[in-house]
Amino acid sequence: MNTKRTYDETALLARLNVDESAFQKIYNRYWERLLSIAYHKCNDLSMAEDCVQDVFLSLLNHQAPDRIENLEAYLAKAVKFSILRAIYKHRRIQYIDEYTDSNLPQSISVEEALEEKMLQEYLFDHVEQLPDRCRIIFKSSRQEHMSNDEIAEKMNISKRTVENQLSIAMKTLRKYLLRTITIFF
């Protein structure tokens, strides 16, 4: 990006909340590119358009738009997060449709069942990304309900190694979970 364009964006961002033409220039400059990014991520034109509109609305309501250093990168990242939220919401609706047709126990709400199922799927995906030894130990502990002593004996390693690997797995999964919560909420 050249210096003139950077200066132009800085001036537009500074006037964003007071000059409607500043917003219009930013919109005209980036909407097509952002729509392309959004569509590429979700393959749904309607969802992509909604997400791009949400991003521009968010920019318009931004508390301090003049603090944005790289507008193009900021908007592209915002569109990606908007698409993630939209996909999450879409999947959630699909699960609700699936669960309302099935017989759920009355003590647990549809919302709670969906959240639990999505969380389990998310965690299982990330368990599979753990290093081999760490993943095997974690699965043995949590899915097969083996004690640390049993795992150590089965794998011919020390109990302390089992404890360390479980600790690493839990820290990693907490990190993924925290990142997801931050993104979606």
N, C-alpha and C. Protein backbone atom coordinates (compact mmCIF):
# COMPACT_ATOMS: atom_id res chain seq x y z
N MET A 1 0.86 -1.16 0.00
CA MET A 1 0.00 0.00 0.00
C MET A 1 0.90 1.22 0.00
N ASN A 2 0.58 2.20 -0.83
CA ASN A 2 1.44 3.38 -0.90
C ASN A 2 1.11 4.38 0.20
N THR A 3 2.03 5.34 0.38
CA THR A 3 1.90 6.31 1.46
C THR A 3 0.68 7.20 1.29
N LYS A 4 0.39 7.59 0.03
CA LYS A 4 -0.77 8.46 -0.23
C LYS A 4 -2.07 7.77 0.19
N ARG A 5 -2.20 6.50 -0.13
CA ARG A 5 -3.42 5.76 0.23
C ARG A 5 -3.53 5.63 1.75
N THR A 6 -2.40 5.39 2.41
CA THR A 6 -2.40 5.29 3.87
C THR A 6 -2.85 6.60 4.49
N TYR A 7 -2.32 7.70 3.96
CA TYR A 7 -2.71 9.02 4.45
C TYR A 7 -4.19 9.26 4.19
N ASP A 8 -4.65 8.89 3.00
CA ASP A 8 -6.05 9.04 2.63
C ASP A 8 -6.95 8.26 3.59
N GLU A 9 -6.58 7.02 3.91
CA GLU A 9 -7.36 6.21 4.84
C GLU A 9 -7.36 6.80 6.23
N THR A 10 -6.23 7.29 6.66
CA THR A 10 -6.15 7.92 7.98
C THR A 10 -7.09 9.13 8.05
N ALA A 11 -7.10 9.94 7.00
CA ALA A 11 -7.98 11.11 6.96
C ALA A 11 -9.45 10.68 6.94
N LEU A 12 -9.75 9.65 6.16
CA LEU A 12 -11.14 9.16 6.09
C LEU A 12 -11.59 8.62 7.45
N LEU A 13 -10.73 7.87 8.11
CA LEU A 13 -11.08 7.32 9.42
C LEU A 13 -11.28 8.43 10.45
N ALA A 14 -10.47 9.47 10.35
CA ALA A 14 -10.61 10.59 11.30
C ALA A 14 -11.94 11.30 11.11
N ARG A 15 -12.46 11.33 9.88
CA ARG A 15 -13.72 12.02 9.59
C ARG A 15 -14.92 11.08 9.58
N LEU A 16 -14.71 9.82 9.83
CA LEU A 16 -15.75 8.81 9.68
C LEU A 16 -17.03 9.14 10.45
N ASN A 17 -16.92 9.57 11.68
CA ASN A 17 -18.10 9.81 12.50
C ASN A 17 -18.78 11.15 12.23
N VAL A 18 -18.14 12.02 11.45
CA VAL A 18 -18.73 13.34 11.21
C VAL A 18 -19.05 13.60 9.75
N ASP A 19 -18.51 12.81 8.85
CA ASP A 19 -18.69 13.05 7.42
C ASP A 19 -19.16 11.77 6.73
N GLU A 20 -20.40 11.80 6.26
CA GLU A 20 -20.97 10.61 5.62
C GLU A 20 -20.21 10.22 4.36
N SER A 21 -19.64 11.18 3.66
CA SER A 21 -18.90 10.87 2.44
C SER A 21 -17.64 10.06 2.74
N ALA A 22 -17.07 10.23 3.93
CA ALA A 22 -15.89 9.44 4.32
C ALA A 22 -16.27 7.97 4.40
N PHE A 23 -17.40 7.68 5.03
CA PHE A 23 -17.86 6.30 5.11
C PHE A 23 -18.15 5.76 3.70
N GLN A 24 -18.78 6.56 2.88
CA GLN A 24 -19.12 6.12 1.52
C GLN A 24 -17.87 5.79 0.72
N LYS A 25 -16.81 6.56 0.88
CA LYS A 25 -15.55 6.28 0.16
C LYS A 25 -14.94 4.97 0.64
N ILE A 26 -14.94 4.76 1.94
CA ILE A 26 -14.40 3.51 2.48
C ILE A 26 -15.24 2.34 1.99
N TYR A 27 -16.54 2.48 2.04
CA TYR A 27 -17.45 1.43 1.60
C TYR A 27 -17.20 1.08 0.13
N ASN A 28 -17.15 2.11 -0.71
CA ASN A 28 -16.94 1.88 -2.15
C ASN A 28 -15.59 1.25 -2.44
N ARG A 29 -14.60 1.60 -1.64
CA ARG A 29 -13.25 1.10 -1.87
C ARG A 29 -13.12 -0.37 -1.48
N TYR A 30 -13.82 -0.81 -0.44
CA TYR A 30 -13.56 -2.15 0.11
C TYR A 30 -14.69 -3.15 0.01
N TRP A 31 -15.92 -2.73 -0.28
CA TRP A 31 -17.03 -3.69 -0.18
C TRP A 31 -16.85 -4.89 -1.10
N GLU A 32 -16.38 -4.67 -2.31
CA GLU A 32 -16.25 -5.78 -3.26
C GLU A 32 -15.19 -6.78 -2.79
N ARG A 33 -14.07 -6.27 -2.32
CA ARG A 33 -12.99 -7.13 -1.82
C ARG A 33 -13.45 -7.93 -0.60
N LEU A 34 -14.17 -7.27 0.30
CA LEU A 34 -14.65 -7.95 1.51
C LEU A 34 -15.71 -8.99 1.18
N LEU A 35 -16.56 -8.67 0.22
CA LEU A 35 -17.57 -9.63 -0.21
C LEU A 35 -16.91 -10.87 -0.79
N SER A 36 -15.84 -10.67 -1.53
CA SER A 36 -15.11 -11.79 -2.11
C SER A 36 -14.50 -12.66 -1.02
N ILE A 37 -13.90 -12.04 -0.02
CA ILE A 37 -13.33 -12.79 1.11
C ILE A 37 -14.42 -13.58 1.83
N ALA A 38 -15.52 -12.91 2.10
CA ALA A 38 -16.61 -13.55 2.84
C ALA A 38 -17.20 -14.72 2.05
N TYR A 39 -17.43 -14.51 0.76
CA TYR A 39 -18.02 -15.56 -0.06
C TYR A 39 -17.07 -16.76 -0.16
N HIS A 40 -15.79 -16.47 -0.27
CA HIS A 40 -14.79 -17.54 -0.35
C HIS A 40 -14.81 -18.40 0.91
N LYS A 41 -15.09 -17.79 2.07
CA LYS A 41 -15.09 -18.52 3.34
C LYS A 41 -16.36 -19.35 3.54
N CYS A 42 -17.52 -18.86 3.04
CA CYS A 42 -18.77 -19.55 3.37
C CYS A 42 -19.54 -20.10 2.17
N ASN A 43 -19.20 -19.69 0.96
CA ASN A 43 -19.89 -20.13 -0.25
C ASN A 43 -21.39 -19.89 -0.22
N ASP A 44 -21.79 -18.84 0.45
CA ASP A 44 -23.21 -18.47 0.55
C ASP A 44 -23.28 -16.95 0.37
N LEU A 45 -23.78 -16.51 -0.78
CA LEU A 45 -23.77 -15.09 -1.10
C LEU A 45 -24.57 -14.27 -0.10
N SER A 46 -25.72 -14.77 0.30
CA SER A 46 -26.55 -14.04 1.25
C SER A 46 -25.84 -13.87 2.60
N MET A 47 -25.24 -14.95 3.09
CA MET A 47 -24.51 -14.88 4.35
C MET A 47 -23.31 -13.95 4.21
N ALA A 48 -22.62 -14.02 3.09
CA ALA A 48 -21.45 -13.16 2.86
C ALA A 48 -21.85 -11.69 2.85
N GLU A 49 -22.94 -11.37 2.16
CA GLU A 49 -23.41 -9.98 2.11
C GLU A 49 -23.79 -9.48 3.50
N ASP A 50 -24.49 -10.31 4.27
CA ASP A 50 -24.88 -9.93 5.63
C ASP A 50 -23.65 -9.65 6.49
N CYS A 51 -22.65 -10.50 6.37
CA CYS A 51 -21.44 -10.34 7.18
C CYS A 51 -20.68 -9.07 6.80
N VAL A 52 -20.59 -8.78 5.52
CA VAL A 52 -19.91 -7.55 5.09
C VAL A 52 -20.68 -6.33 5.60
N GLN A 53 -21.99 -6.37 5.51
CA GLN A 53 -22.79 -5.25 6.02
C GLN A 53 -22.58 -5.08 7.53
N ASP A 54 -22.52 -6.19 8.25
CA ASP A 54 -22.27 -6.13 9.70
C ASP A 54 -20.93 -5.49 10.01
N VAL A 55 -19.93 -5.82 9.21
CA VAL A 55 -18.60 -5.25 9.43
C VAL A 55 -18.61 -3.74 9.19
N PHE A 56 -19.26 -3.32 8.12
CA PHE A 56 -19.32 -1.88 7.85
C PHE A 56 -20.13 -1.14 8.92
N LEU A 57 -21.18 -1.76 9.38
CA LEU A 57 -21.96 -1.16 10.47
C LEU A 57 -21.11 -1.05 11.73
N SER A 58 -20.35 -2.08 12.00
CA SER A 58 -19.45 -2.08 13.15
C SER A 58 -18.39 -0.98 13.01
N LEU A 59 -17.86 -0.80 11.81
CA LEU A 59 -16.89 0.27 11.58
C LEU A 59 -17.52 1.62 11.82
N LEU A 60 -18.73 1.79 11.36
CA LEU A 60 -19.43 3.06 11.52
C LEU A 60 -19.68 3.36 13.01
N ASN A 61 -19.90 2.33 13.80
CA ASN A 61 -20.15 2.50 15.24
C ASN A 61 -18.89 2.37 16.09
N HIS A 62 -17.74 2.23 15.45
CA HIS A 62 -16.47 2.05 16.16
C HIS A 62 -16.19 3.27 17.04
N GLN A 63 -15.76 3.02 18.28
CA GLN A 63 -15.52 4.09 19.25
C GLN A 63 -14.39 5.02 18.81
N ALA A 64 -13.31 4.46 18.28
CA ALA A 64 -12.14 5.27 17.89
C ALA A 64 -11.58 4.79 16.56
N PRO A 65 -12.29 5.07 15.47
CA PRO A 65 -11.82 4.57 14.18
C PRO A 65 -10.46 5.14 13.77
N ASP A 66 -10.11 6.30 14.29
CA ASP A 66 -8.83 6.90 13.93
C ASP A 66 -7.64 6.13 14.50
N ARG A 67 -7.89 5.18 15.38
CA ARG A 67 -6.82 4.35 15.95
C ARG A 67 -6.51 3.13 15.09
N ILE A 68 -7.33 2.86 14.09
CA ILE A 68 -7.10 1.73 13.20
C ILE A 68 -5.89 2.07 12.33
N GLU A 69 -4.86 1.22 12.41
CA GLU A 69 -3.62 1.51 11.69
C GLU A 69 -3.66 1.05 10.24
N ASN A 70 -4.21 -0.12 9.98
CA ASN A 70 -4.27 -0.65 8.63
C ASN A 70 -5.71 -1.04 8.34
N LEU A 71 -6.43 -0.17 7.68
CA LEU A 71 -7.87 -0.35 7.48
C LEU A 71 -8.18 -1.62 6.70
N GLU A 72 -7.45 -1.87 5.65
CA GLU A 72 -7.73 -3.04 4.82
C GLU A 72 -7.57 -4.33 5.63
N ALA A 73 -6.49 -4.44 6.40
CA ALA A 73 -6.26 -5.63 7.22
C ALA A 73 -7.32 -5.74 8.32
N TYR A 74 -7.68 -4.61 8.90
CA TYR A 74 -8.71 -4.58 9.95
C TYR A 74 -10.04 -5.10 9.40
N LEU A 75 -10.44 -4.59 8.25
CA LEU A 75 -11.72 -5.00 7.66
C LEU A 75 -11.70 -6.47 7.25
N ALA A 76 -10.59 -6.93 6.67
CA ALA A 76 -10.49 -8.33 6.25
C ALA A 76 -10.60 -9.25 7.45
N LYS A 77 -9.93 -8.92 8.54
CA LYS A 77 -9.99 -9.73 9.75
C LYS A 77 -11.40 -9.70 10.35
N ALA A 78 -12.02 -8.52 10.33
CA ALA A 78 -13.37 -8.40 10.86
C ALA A 78 -14.35 -9.26 10.06
N VAL A 79 -14.19 -9.29 8.75
CA VAL A 79 -15.07 -10.11 7.92
C VAL A 79 -14.87 -11.59 8.24
N LYS A 80 -13.64 -12.01 8.43
CA LYS A 80 -13.39 -13.42 8.75
C LYS A 80 -14.05 -13.80 10.07
N PHE A 81 -13.95 -12.94 11.08
CA PHE A 81 -14.60 -13.24 12.36
C PHE A 81 -16.12 -13.19 12.22
N SER A 82 -16.62 -12.28 11.42
CA SER A 82 -18.06 -12.20 11.19
C SER A 82 -18.57 -13.48 10.53
N ILE A 83 -17.83 -13.99 9.58
CA ILE A 83 -18.20 -15.25 8.91
C ILE A 83 -18.17 -16.40 9.91
N LEU A 84 -17.15 -16.44 10.76
CA LEU A 84 -17.10 -17.51 11.77
C LEU A 84 -18.33 -17.47 12.68
N ARG A 85 -18.70 -16.26 13.11
CA ARG A 85 -19.89 -16.14 13.96
C ARG A 85 -21.14 -16.57 13.20
N ALA A 86 -21.24 -16.19 11.93
CA ALA A 86 -22.41 -16.55 11.13
C ALA A 86 -22.49 -18.06 10.92
N ILE A 87 -21.37 -18.68 10.65
CA ILE A 87 -21.34 -20.13 10.45
C ILE A 87 -21.73 -20.83 11.75
N TYR A 88 -21.19 -20.35 12.88
CA TYR A 88 -21.54 -20.91 14.18
C TYR A 88 -23.05 -20.79 14.41
N LYS A 89 -23.59 -19.63 14.12
CA LYS A 89 -25.03 -19.41 14.31
C LYS A 89 -25.83 -20.34 13.39
N HIS A 90 -25.40 -20.48 12.14
CA HIS A 90 -26.08 -21.34 11.18
C HIS A 90 -26.07 -22.80 11.65
N ARG A 91 -24.90 -23.25 12.12
CA ARG A 91 -24.81 -24.63 12.62
C ARG A 91 -25.69 -24.83 13.84
N ARG A 92 -25.73 -23.82 14.66
CA ARG A 92 -26.56 -23.89 15.87
C ARG A 92 -28.03 -24.06 15.49
N ILE A 93 -28.48 -23.33 14.50
CA ILE A 93 -29.86 -23.44 14.03
C ILE A 93 -30.11 -24.85 13.48
N GLN A 94 -29.14 -25.39 12.73
CA GLN A 94 -29.29 -26.74 12.20
C GLN A 94 -29.43 -27.75 13.34
N TYR A 95 -28.61 -27.61 14.37
CA TYR A 95 -28.71 -28.52 15.51
C TYR A 95 -30.06 -28.39 16.21
N ILE A 96 -30.54 -27.18 16.35
CA ILE A 96 -31.85 -26.99 16.98
C ILE A 96 -32.91 -27.72 16.19
N ASP A 97 -32.87 -27.61 14.86
CA ASP A 97 -33.83 -28.31 14.03
C ASP A 97 -33.73 -29.82 14.22
N GLU A 98 -32.50 -30.34 14.30
CA GLU A 98 -32.32 -31.77 14.50
C GLU A 98 -32.84 -32.23 15.86
N TYR A 99 -32.55 -31.45 16.90
CA TYR A 99 -32.92 -31.86 18.24
C TYR A 99 -34.41 -31.69 18.53
N THR A 100 -35.07 -30.75 17.90
CA THR A 100 -36.49 -30.59 18.17
C THR A 100 -37.28 -31.76 17.62
N ASP A 101 -36.72 -32.46 16.64
CA ASP A 101 -37.40 -33.63 16.09
C ASP A 101 -37.17 -34.88 16.94
N SER A 102 -36.12 -34.87 17.75
CA SER A 102 -35.82 -36.05 18.56
C SER A 102 -36.43 -35.92 19.94
N ASN A 103 -36.40 -36.99 20.68
CA ASN A 103 -36.95 -36.98 22.03
C ASN A 103 -35.85 -36.68 23.03
N LEU A 104 -35.82 -35.46 23.51
CA LEU A 104 -34.84 -35.07 24.52
C LEU A 104 -35.47 -35.22 25.90
N PRO A 105 -34.66 -35.58 26.88
CA PRO A 105 -35.19 -35.61 28.25
C PRO A 105 -35.67 -34.20 28.64
N GLN A 106 -36.72 -34.13 29.41
CA GLN A 106 -37.30 -32.84 29.78
C GLN A 106 -36.39 -32.03 30.71
N SER A 107 -35.47 -32.68 31.41
CA SER A 107 -34.64 -31.97 32.38
C SER A 107 -33.55 -31.13 31.74
N ILE A 108 -33.26 -31.34 30.47
CA ILE A 108 -32.19 -30.61 29.80
C ILE A 108 -32.79 -29.87 28.61
N SER A 109 -32.47 -28.60 28.50
CA SER A 109 -33.04 -27.79 27.43
C SER A 109 -32.34 -28.06 26.11
N VAL A 110 -33.00 -27.71 25.04
CA VAL A 110 -32.43 -27.87 23.70
C VAL A 110 -31.14 -27.05 23.60
N GLU A 111 -31.18 -25.86 24.13
CA GLU A 111 -30.02 -24.96 24.10
C GLU A 111 -28.82 -25.60 24.80
N GLU A 112 -29.05 -26.17 25.98
CA GLU A 112 -27.96 -26.80 26.72
C GLU A 112 -27.41 -28.01 25.99
N ALA A 113 -28.30 -28.80 25.39
CA ALA A 113 -27.87 -29.99 24.65
C ALA A 113 -27.02 -29.58 23.45
N LEU A 114 -27.42 -28.53 22.77
CA LEU A 114 -26.66 -28.05 21.61
C LEU A 114 -25.29 -27.55 22.02
N GLU A 115 -25.26 -26.77 23.07
CA GLU A 115 -23.99 -26.22 23.54
C GLU A 115 -23.04 -27.34 23.93
N GLU A 116 -23.58 -28.35 24.63
CA GLU A 116 -22.75 -29.47 25.05
C GLU A 116 -22.22 -30.25 23.85
N LYS A 117 -23.07 -30.51 22.88
CA LYS A 117 -22.65 -31.26 21.70
C LYS A 117 -21.61 -30.50 20.90
N MET A 118 -21.82 -29.21 20.70
CA MET A 118 -20.85 -28.41 19.93
C MET A 118 -19.53 -28.30 20.67
N LEU A 119 -19.58 -28.16 21.98
CA LEU A 119 -18.36 -28.08 22.77
C LEU A 119 -17.59 -29.40 22.69
N GLN A 120 -18.31 -30.52 22.80
CA GLN A 120 -17.66 -31.83 22.69
C GLN A 120 -16.99 -32.00 21.33
N GLU A 121 -17.70 -31.64 20.25
CA GLU A 121 -17.12 -31.76 18.92
C GLU A 121 -15.89 -30.88 18.78
N TYR A 122 -15.97 -29.69 19.28
CA TYR A 122 -14.85 -28.76 19.21
C TYR A 122 -13.64 -29.31 19.97
N LEU A 123 -13.89 -29.81 21.17
CA LEU A 123 -12.78 -30.34 21.97
C LEU A 123 -12.20 -31.61 21.35
N PHE A 124 -13.05 -32.49 20.83
CA PHE A 124 -12.54 -33.70 20.20
C PHE A 124 -11.67 -33.37 18.99
N ASP A 125 -12.06 -32.35 18.22
CA ASP A 125 -11.24 -31.93 17.08
C ASP A 125 -9.86 -31.48 17.55
N HIS A 126 -9.82 -30.76 18.66
CA HIS A 126 -8.54 -30.26 19.15
C HIS A 126 -7.73 -31.34 19.87
N VAL A 127 -8.40 -32.32 20.45
CA VAL A 127 -7.68 -33.45 21.05
C VAL A 127 -6.90 -34.17 19.96
N GLU A 128 -7.50 -34.31 18.80
CA GLU A 128 -6.84 -34.99 17.68
C GLU A 128 -5.61 -34.24 17.19
N GLN A 129 -5.50 -32.97 17.50
CA GLN A 129 -4.35 -32.17 17.08
C GLN A 129 -3.20 -32.21 18.09
N LEU A 130 -3.42 -32.83 19.24
CA LEU A 130 -2.37 -32.95 20.24
C LEU A 130 -1.27 -33.87 19.72
N PRO A 131 -0.04 -33.71 20.22
CA PRO A 131 1.03 -34.65 19.85
C PRO A 131 0.62 -36.08 20.21
N ASP A 132 1.18 -37.04 19.50
CA ASP A 132 0.75 -38.45 19.62
C ASP A 132 0.70 -38.95 21.06
N ARG A 133 1.80 -38.85 21.76
CA ARG A 133 1.87 -39.38 23.12
C ARG A 133 0.86 -38.67 24.03
N CYS A 134 0.81 -37.36 23.91
CA CYS A 134 -0.11 -36.55 24.73
C CYS A 134 -1.56 -36.95 24.44
N ARG A 135 -1.90 -37.13 23.16
CA ARG A 135 -3.25 -37.49 22.75
C ARG A 135 -3.64 -38.88 23.30
N ILE A 136 -2.73 -39.84 23.19
CA ILE A 136 -3.01 -41.19 23.66
C ILE A 136 -3.24 -41.20 25.18
N ILE A 137 -2.41 -40.47 25.88
CA ILE A 137 -2.55 -40.42 27.34
C ILE A 137 -3.86 -39.73 27.72
N PHE A 138 -4.16 -38.62 27.04
CA PHE A 138 -5.39 -37.89 27.34
C PHE A 138 -6.62 -38.76 27.08
N LYS A 139 -6.65 -39.45 25.93
CA LYS A 139 -7.79 -40.31 25.60
C LYS A 139 -7.91 -41.47 26.59
N SER A 140 -6.78 -42.03 26.97
CA SER A 140 -6.82 -43.13 27.93
C SER A 140 -7.42 -42.66 29.25
N SER A 141 -7.04 -41.47 29.66
CA SER A 141 -7.53 -40.93 30.93
C SER A 141 -9.00 -40.53 30.86
N ARG A 142 -9.36 -39.77 29.84
CA ARG A 142 -10.70 -39.18 29.80
C ARG A 142 -11.76 -40.05 29.12
N GLN A 143 -11.37 -40.80 28.12
CA GLN A 143 -12.37 -41.60 27.40
C GLN A 143 -12.43 -43.03 27.90
N GLU A 144 -11.26 -43.60 28.23
CA GLU A 144 -11.24 -44.97 28.72
C GLU A 144 -11.27 -45.03 30.25
N HIS A 145 -11.22 -43.88 30.90
CA HIS A 145 -11.30 -43.75 32.36
C HIS A 145 -10.24 -44.57 33.08
N MET A 146 -9.05 -44.58 32.52
CA MET A 146 -7.93 -45.29 33.15
C MET A 146 -7.26 -44.35 34.16
N SER A 147 -6.74 -44.93 35.21
CA SER A 147 -6.00 -44.13 36.20
C SER A 147 -4.61 -43.82 35.65
N ASN A 148 -3.94 -42.87 36.28
CA ASN A 148 -2.59 -42.52 35.85
C ASN A 148 -1.64 -43.70 35.98
N ASP A 149 -1.82 -44.49 37.04
CA ASP A 149 -0.98 -45.68 37.24
C ASP A 149 -1.20 -46.69 36.12
N GLU A 150 -2.44 -46.90 35.74
CA GLU A 150 -2.76 -47.85 34.67
C GLU A 150 -2.18 -47.39 33.33
N ILE A 151 -2.28 -46.10 33.07
CA ILE A 151 -1.73 -45.56 31.82
C ILE A 151 -0.22 -45.72 31.81
N ALA A 152 0.42 -45.40 32.93
CA ALA A 152 1.89 -45.52 33.03
C ALA A 152 2.33 -46.96 32.78
N GLU A 153 1.61 -47.87 33.38
CA GLU A 153 1.95 -49.29 33.21
C GLU A 153 1.73 -49.74 31.76
N LYS A 154 0.61 -49.36 31.19
CA LYS A 154 0.26 -49.73 29.81
C LYS A 154 1.30 -49.21 28.82
N MET A 155 1.75 -47.95 29.04
CA MET A 155 2.66 -47.32 28.07
C MET A 155 4.14 -47.48 28.46
N ASN A 156 4.37 -48.12 29.61
CA ASN A 156 5.73 -48.34 30.10
C ASN A 156 6.47 -47.01 30.29
N ILE A 157 5.80 -46.08 30.96
CA ILE A 157 6.38 -44.78 31.30
C ILE A 157 6.09 -44.49 32.76
N SER A 158 6.70 -43.44 33.29
CA SER A 158 6.48 -43.12 34.70
C SER A 158 5.13 -42.43 34.90
N LYS A 159 4.63 -42.54 36.12
CA LYS A 159 3.37 -41.88 36.47
C LYS A 159 3.52 -40.37 36.32
N ARG A 160 4.69 -39.85 36.67
CA ARG A 160 4.95 -38.41 36.55
C ARG A 160 4.85 -37.95 35.09
N THR A 161 5.31 -38.74 34.16
CA THR A 161 5.21 -38.42 32.73
C THR A 161 3.75 -38.35 32.31
N VAL A 162 2.97 -39.29 32.80
CA VAL A 162 1.52 -39.28 32.52
C VAL A 162 0.90 -37.99 33.04
N GLU A 163 1.23 -37.63 34.27
CA GLU A 163 0.69 -36.40 34.85
C GLU A 163 1.11 -35.16 34.05
N ASN A 164 2.37 -35.12 33.67
CA ASN A 164 2.86 -33.98 32.87
C ASN A 164 2.14 -33.89 31.52
N GLN A 165 1.96 -35.02 30.87
CA GLN A 165 1.30 -35.02 29.56
C GLN A 165 -0.17 -34.62 29.68
N LEU A 166 -0.83 -35.06 30.74
CA LEU A 166 -2.22 -34.64 30.97
C LEU A 166 -2.30 -33.14 31.23
N SER A 167 -1.34 -32.64 31.97
CA SER A 167 -1.29 -31.21 32.25
C SER A 167 -1.10 -30.41 30.95
N ILE A 168 -0.22 -30.86 30.10
CA ILE A 168 0.02 -30.20 28.80
C ILE A 168 -1.26 -30.23 27.96
N ALA A 169 -1.92 -31.38 27.94
CA ALA A 169 -3.15 -31.50 27.15
C ALA A 169 -4.22 -30.54 27.67
N MET A 170 -4.40 -30.49 28.97
CA MET A 170 -5.42 -29.61 29.55
C MET A 170 -5.11 -28.14 29.29
N LYS A 171 -3.86 -27.75 29.42
CA LYS A 171 -3.48 -26.35 29.14
C LYS A 171 -3.76 -26.00 27.68
N THR A 172 -3.41 -26.90 26.80
CA THR A 172 -3.63 -26.67 25.36
C THR A 172 -5.11 -26.54 25.06
N LEU A 173 -5.92 -27.45 25.60
CA LEU A 173 -7.36 -27.42 25.34
C LEU A 173 -8.01 -26.18 25.96
N ARG A 174 -7.55 -25.78 27.14
CA ARG A 174 -8.07 -24.55 27.75
C ARG A 174 -7.76 -23.34 26.87
N LYS A 175 -6.56 -23.31 26.31
CA LYS A 175 -6.15 -22.21 25.44
C LYS A 175 -7.06 -22.14 24.21
N TYR A 176 -7.31 -23.28 23.58
CA TYR A 176 -8.22 -23.31 22.42
C TYR A 176 -9.62 -22.86 22.81
N LEU A 177 -10.08 -23.35 23.94
CA LEU A 177 -11.42 -23.01 24.41
C LEU A 177 -11.53 -21.52 24.72
N LEU A 178 -10.54 -20.96 25.37
CA LEU A 178 -10.54 -19.53 25.69
C LEU A 178 -10.54 -18.70 24.42
N ARG A 179 -9.76 -19.12 23.43
CA ARG A 179 -9.71 -18.40 22.16
C ARG A 179 -11.08 -18.44 21.48
N THR A 180 -11.73 -19.58 21.53
CA THR A 180 -13.05 -19.71 20.92
C THR A 180 -14.08 -18.84 21.63
N ILE A 181 -14.05 -18.86 22.94
CA ILE A 181 -14.98 -18.03 23.70
C ILE A 181 -14.76 -16.57 23.39
N THR A 182 -13.50 -16.16 23.28
CA THR A 182 -13.19 -14.77 22.96
C THR A 182 -13.70 -14.40 21.57
N ILE A 183 -13.55 -15.30 20.61
CA ILE A 183 -14.01 -15.02 19.25
C ILE A 183 -15.52 -14.91 19.18
N PHE A 184 -16.22 -15.84 19.79
CA PHE A 184 -17.67 -15.89 19.64
C PHE A 184 -18.43 -14.98 20.59
N PHE A 185 -17.84 -14.68 21.74
CA PHE A 185 -18.57 -13.89 22.70
C PHE A 185 -17.83 -12.63 23.03
